[in-house]
């Protein structure tokens, strides 16, 4: 699955917000001076380090810095907007019409500058049936909420959708201070890993926090969407929380196709994440050239939790598997790790066994959902031979224009 989003509407909005028509555009070739571009690239490097190897010293109010704010909006925001699209798309595939309500009430915990809210607005603005959207954004930094309100207002003016936004400056670790209401969707985007970070019992406290949030604020037919950076530490932390929530009776809607302990946690070097190809804006390509960074795909981890038993597997064949690795290419063969019933296993196809019925195996990508017929089961691994049929379900279910909303 490759994303080719139309970023022109965001270009106009972001440049208007930045208040500088001379800033590099998102989609047009860069015509600004190299000194300005280098300054932006330097700020991008600083942010990238804070988001990864220096995450322990990431200041909560980093967006108060005008230069870092510009770098975030130009480089990080365009890609982060689209990460919410995948879980929303998967929810919209269910025949129970999970997202078909006339009004969807959405709580964004740790909203930051409202990036995910913009992504949700963008997703629903492209649907034929558009629910009214009532957003509540909660963040501990007042400046983040100010930016969120400004960007929301600018974006809402450019789309034909009924939407409103309320903001509250609250420390979200204190769940009891969150305004009492129930929500159809609760979002935690790039925030779970920051909760109780210095606490040795942080996993247990995150589980307790989510138990409270889901029990108290999520509707009985609602969805809690967690998005995390695709880093080993942050993702394994999320998967640890996942396993504990399953023990507490919550259901994983997606991306997991099994409600069992995550097999990626068995090896301390393993973790599970998405890596969706996209066509980045020109300005991001130019910054990548200067910094050595690569923004050629959307890397993130996510979970969709529900109180009921609805699951993405309800619309899939029983023997479906998720591709959870990059293609592993070696002399004479191609391999992937797949996850489904039976856990996480390696699957191999020798080059000499290629046939028209299994040729889809060559085109698989991380995150794809696939089924097999006449697969050879060797216990700890699978093998594809000339008689095996391979079907990539993602190639049609994710590209289908038919959504249950």
Foldseek 3Di string as FASTA:
>chain_A
DAAADDCVLVQVLLCVVLVDPQDATQADAGPHDPVVLVLLLVLLVVVVCCLPVVVVPNDQPPCVDSSNVNSCSRAPLVLLLQPVVVVVLLVQLDLVLLPQDQEFEEEEEQCFLPSPVNSVVVNQLPAPDHHAYEYEYEHQDPVSPVNNVSSCVSSVVVGPHHYDYHYDNDDVLPVVPPDFEAGQEYEYEQCLCVQPVVPPCSLVSSLVSVVCCCVGHYDQSHKYKYKHAQDLVTQLSVLSSLLVVLVVQKEWQDDAQDSHRAPQVVDSVGGFKDWHAYDGHNSNVVSCVVNVDDPRTRIIHMIMIHNDHHHSCVPPDQQKWFFGAAWDDDPQKIWTWIQHVVGIAIEIEGPVFDDPQDVVVVVDGHGWMKHKDPWADPDRHIYDGNPMGIDTPCVDSSPPSDTSD
